[in-house]
Amino acid sequence: MEKNVFGETLVQCSIEPLTGFYRDGSCHTGADDPGRHLVCAIMTDEFLQFSKSKGNDLSSPMPQYRFAGLKAGDRWCLCVLRWIEAWNEGKAPLIMLEATNEKVVDFVSLNELVKYAWKNPEKQTSDEQD
């Protein structure tokens, strides 16, 4: 069973839209995943434009692949090297760490990843919301 960056069970990234290299909703990886789809990222318009400018248009629908296109707020398993490229250019999206594969720490330190942690508003305590 694959783990997240905290060494815990990898939680689901997204079912709607359905993400993951294996289209199982999770950022699982294997030898047949050359892109290493490890990072559960929360899409932003800025990141989607950045990715499109690098030749990977994630926002346009591709009906032949049953892909409706992504929009800001969608969660998606990104290739770790694309996230690093965006990070280096100041355009990295936030990350759902519980759904990000532990193998990402082979590329980026956990300390750096935590700086991009997305906080689920449903899980915040009342103290955090004040």
C-alpha atoms as a PDB file:
ATOM      1  CA  MET A   1       0.000   0.000   0.000  1.00  0.00           C
ATOM      2  CA  GLU A   2       1.410   3.390  -0.978  1.00  0.00           C
ATOM      3  CA  LYS A   3       1.891   6.104   1.631  1.00  0.00           C
ATOM      4  CA  ASN A   4       1.626   9.884   1.665  1.00  0.00           C
ATOM      5  CA  VAL A   5       4.403  12.333   2.581  1.00  0.00           C
ATOM      6  CA  PHE A   6       3.653  11.771   6.282  1.00  0.00           C
ATOM      7  CA  GLY A   7       4.097   7.986   5.990  1.00  0.00           C
ATOM      8  CA  GLU A   8       0.354   7.441   6.396  1.00  0.00           C
ATOM      9  CA  THR A   9      -2.104   5.774   4.028  1.00  0.00           C
ATOM     10  CA  LEU A  10      -2.356   7.741   0.787  1.00  0.00           C
ATOM     11  CA  VAL A  11      -5.799   9.336   0.656  1.00  0.00           C
ATOM     12  CA  GLN A  12      -7.795   9.976  -2.477  1.00  0.00           C
ATOM     13  CA  CYS A  13      -6.955  13.119  -4.449  1.00  0.00           C
ATOM     14  CA  SER A  14     -10.053  13.447  -6.670  1.00  0.00           C
ATOM     15  CA  ILE A  15     -12.858  11.414  -8.174  1.00  0.00           C
ATOM     16  CA  GLU A  16     -14.524  14.394  -9.893  1.00  0.00           C
ATOM     17  CA  PRO A  17     -12.560  15.007 -11.997  1.00  0.00           C
ATOM     18  CA  LEU A  18     -11.110  11.497 -11.953  1.00  0.00           C
ATOM     19  CA  THR A  19      -7.359  11.824 -11.527  1.00  0.00           C
ATOM     20  CA  GLY A  20      -4.242   9.723 -11.144  1.00  0.00           C
ATOM     21  CA  PHE A  21      -2.029   7.981 -13.661  1.00  0.00           C
ATOM     22  CA  TYR A  22      -4.227   4.918 -13.236  1.00  0.00           C
ATOM     23  CA  ARG A  23      -7.421   7.038 -13.148  1.00  0.00           C
ATOM     24  CA  ASP A  24      -8.297   5.638  -9.741  1.00  0.00           C
ATOM     25  CA  GLY A  25      -8.598   8.978  -7.943  1.00  0.00           C
ATOM     26  CA  SER A  26      -5.241   8.653  -6.156  1.00  0.00           C
ATOM     27  CA  CYS A  27      -1.656   9.665  -6.847  1.00  0.00           C
ATOM     28  CA  HIS A  28      -0.438   6.066  -7.089  1.00  0.00           C
ATOM     29  CA  THR A  29       2.615   5.385  -9.203  1.00  0.00           C
ATOM     30  CA  GLY A  30       4.440   2.460 -10.683  1.00  0.00           C
ATOM     31  CA  ALA A  31       7.098   1.504 -13.197  1.00  0.00           C
ATOM     32  CA  ASP A  32       4.671   2.270 -16.033  1.00  0.00           C
ATOM     33  CA  ASP A  33       4.227   5.907 -14.846  1.00  0.00           C
ATOM     34  CA  PRO A  34       7.196   7.700 -16.417  1.00  0.00           C
ATOM     35  CA  GLY A  35       5.771  11.115 -15.480  1.00  0.00           C
ATOM     36  CA  ARG A  36       5.571  10.241 -11.789  1.00  0.00           C
ATOM     37  CA  HIS A  37       2.086  11.622 -11.070  1.00  0.00           C
ATOM     38  CA  LEU A  38       2.809  12.081  -7.353  1.00  0.00           C
ATOM     39  CA  VAL A  39       1.581  15.552  -6.362  1.00  0.00           C
ATOM     40  CA  CYS A  40      -2.075  16.131  -5.469  1.00  0.00           C
ATOM     41  CA  ALA A  41      -2.336  19.788  -6.456  1.00  0.00           C
ATOM     42  CA  ILE A  42      -5.214  22.237  -6.264  1.00  0.00           C
ATOM     43  CA  MET A  43      -5.471  23.904  -9.650  1.00  0.00           C
ATOM     44  CA  THR A  44      -5.292  27.668 -10.065  1.00  0.00           C
ATOM     45  CA  ASP A  45      -5.862  29.734 -13.182  1.00  0.00           C
ATOM     46  CA  GLU A  46      -2.222  30.854 -12.947  1.00  0.00           C
ATOM     47  CA  PHE A  47      -0.916  27.289 -12.847  1.00  0.00           C
ATOM     48  CA  LEU A  48      -3.225  26.121 -15.655  1.00  0.00           C
ATOM     49  CA  GLN A  49      -1.967  28.959 -17.870  1.00  0.00           C
ATOM     50  CA  PHE A  50       1.627  28.128 -16.899  1.00  0.00           C
ATOM     51  CA  SER A  51       1.167  24.439 -17.751  1.00  0.00           C
ATOM     52  CA  LYS A  52      -0.441  25.320 -21.083  1.00  0.00           C
ATOM     53  CA  SER A  53       2.503  27.613 -21.898  1.00  0.00           C
ATOM     54  CA  LYS A  54       4.818  24.625 -21.311  1.00  0.00           C
ATOM     55  CA  GLY A  55       2.875  22.435 -23.745  1.00  0.00           C
ATOM     56  CA  ASN A  56       0.554  20.602 -21.357  1.00  0.00           C
ATOM     57  CA  ASP A  57      -2.925  22.084 -21.714  1.00  0.00           C
ATOM     58  CA  LEU A  58      -4.893  20.770 -18.761  1.00  0.00           C
ATOM     59  CA  SER A  59      -7.769  23.225 -19.092  1.00  0.00           C
ATOM     60  CA  SER A  60      -9.097  22.322 -22.546  1.00  0.00           C
ATOM     61  CA  PRO A  61     -11.583  19.460 -22.887  1.00  0.00           C
ATOM     62  CA  MET A  62     -10.417  16.325 -24.730  1.00  0.00           C
ATOM     63  CA  PRO A  63     -13.588  14.287 -25.281  1.00  0.00           C
ATOM     64  CA  GLN A  64     -11.651  11.477 -26.982  1.00  0.00           C
ATOM     65  CA  TYR A  65     -10.081  10.763 -23.562  1.00  0.00           C
ATOM     66  CA  ARG A  66     -13.262  11.519 -21.599  1.00  0.00           C
ATOM     67  CA  PHE A  67     -11.467  14.553 -20.152  1.00  0.00           C
ATOM     68  CA  ALA A  68     -13.582  17.652 -19.517  1.00  0.00           C
ATOM     69  CA  GLY A  69     -10.608  19.919 -18.798  1.00  0.00           C
ATOM     70  CA  LEU A  70      -9.582  21.297 -15.426  1.00  0.00           C
ATOM     71  CA  LYS A  71     -10.564  24.549 -13.766  1.00  0.00           C
ATOM     72  CA  ALA A  72      -9.370  26.448 -10.716  1.00  0.00           C
ATOM     73  CA  GLY A  73     -10.210  24.542  -7.543  1.00  0.00           C
ATOM     74  CA  ASP A  74      -9.996  21.074  -9.117  1.00  0.00           C
ATOM     75  CA  ARG A  75      -7.572  18.632  -7.504  1.00  0.00           C
ATOM     76  CA  TRP A  76      -5.266  16.747  -9.871  1.00  0.00           C
ATOM     77  CA  CYS A  77      -2.300  14.364  -9.613  1.00  0.00           C
ATOM     78  CA  LEU A  78       0.493  16.330 -11.224  1.00  0.00           C
ATOM     79  CA  CYS A  79       3.797  15.063 -12.485  1.00  0.00           C
ATOM     80  CA  VAL A  80       6.358  15.932  -9.838  1.00  0.00           C
ATOM     81  CA  LEU A  81       8.740  17.531 -12.353  1.00  0.00           C
ATOM     82  CA  ARG A  82       5.969  19.853 -13.647  1.00  0.00           C
ATOM     83  CA  TRP A  83       5.208  20.948 -10.083  1.00  0.00           C
ATOM     84  CA  ILE A  84       8.934  21.592  -9.483  1.00  0.00           C
ATOM     85  CA  GLU A  85       9.141  23.567 -12.722  1.00  0.00           C
ATOM     86  CA  ALA A  86       6.191  25.718 -11.594  1.00  0.00           C
ATOM     87  CA  TRP A  87       7.722  26.041  -8.106  1.00  0.00           C
ATOM     88  CA  ASN A  88      10.998  27.277  -9.593  1.00  0.00           C
ATOM     89  CA  GLU A  89       9.066  29.904 -11.561  1.00  0.00           C
ATOM     90  CA  GLY A  90       6.882  31.022  -8.642  1.00  0.00           C
ATOM     91  CA  LYS A  91       3.685  29.465 -10.039  1.00  0.00           C
ATOM     92  CA  ALA A  92       3.350  26.257  -8.019  1.00  0.00           C
ATOM     93  CA  PRO A  93      -0.175  25.410  -6.878  1.00  0.00           C
ATOM     94  CA  LEU A  94      -1.009  24.387  -3.335  1.00  0.00           C
ATOM     95  CA  ILE A  95      -0.786  20.695  -2.460  1.00  0.00           C
ATOM     96  CA  MET A  96      -3.071  18.335  -0.586  1.00  0.00           C
ATOM     97  CA  LEU A  97      -0.282  16.644   1.383  1.00  0.00           C
ATOM     98  CA  GLU A  98      -2.391  13.745   2.673  1.00  0.00           C
ATOM     99  CA  ALA A  99      -3.022  12.755  -0.961  1.00  0.00           C
ATOM    100  CA  THR A 100       0.539  13.414  -2.209  1.00  0.00           C
ATOM    101  CA  ASN A 101       2.654  10.302  -2.695  1.00  0.00           C
ATOM    102  CA  GLU A 102       5.624   9.884  -0.328  1.00  0.00           C
ATOM    103  CA  LYS A 103       7.932   9.374  -3.327  1.00  0.00           C
ATOM    104  CA  VAL A 104       7.750  13.121  -3.976  1.00  0.00           C
ATOM    105  CA  VAL A 105      10.240  13.669  -1.126  1.00  0.00           C
ATOM    106  CA  ASP A 106      12.876  12.098  -3.385  1.00  0.00           C
ATOM    107  CA  PHE A 107      12.583  15.357  -5.366  1.00  0.00           C
ATOM    108  CA  VAL A 108      11.471  18.053  -2.884  1.00  0.00           C
ATOM    109  CA  SER A 109      11.965  18.179   0.878  1.00  0.00           C
ATOM    110  CA  LEU A 110       8.963  17.770   3.149  1.00  0.00           C
ATOM    111  CA  ASN A 111       9.845  21.128   4.733  1.00  0.00           C
ATOM    112  CA  GLU A 112       9.422  22.822   1.345  1.00  0.00           C
ATOM    113  CA  LEU A 113       6.228  20.908   0.523  1.00  0.00           C
ATOM    114  CA  VAL A 114       4.633  21.964   3.811  1.00  0.00           C
ATOM    115  CA  LYS A 115       4.975  25.603   2.697  1.00  0.00           C
ATOM    116  CA  TYR A 116       2.518  24.760  -0.108  1.00  0.00           C
ATOM    117  CA  ALA A 117       0.073  22.808   2.045  1.00  0.00           C
ATOM    118  CA  TRP A 118      -3.581  23.340   1.207  1.00  0.00           C
ATOM    119  CA  LYS A 119      -5.780  23.515   4.261  1.00  0.00           C
ATOM    120  CA  ASN A 120      -9.188  21.959   3.881  1.00  0.00           C
ATOM    121  CA  PRO A 121     -11.625  24.540   5.289  1.00  0.00           C
ATOM    122  CA  GLU A 122     -13.902  21.704   6.454  1.00  0.00           C
ATOM    123  CA  LYS A 123     -11.121  20.411   8.735  1.00  0.00           C
ATOM    124  CA  GLN A 124     -10.086  23.752  10.264  1.00  0.00           C
ATOM    125  CA  THR A 125     -10.889  24.309  13.896  1.00  0.00           C
ATOM    126  CA  SER A 126     -12.761  27.403  15.008  1.00  0.00           C
ATOM    127  CA  ASP A 127      -9.467  28.805  16.350  1.00  0.00           C
ATOM    128  CA  GLU A 128      -7.879  28.583  12.897  1.00  0.00           C
ATOM    129  CA  GLN A 129     -10.850  30.330  11.281  1.00  0.00           C
ATOM    130  CA  ASP A 130     -10.741  33.349  13.629  1.00  0.00           C
END
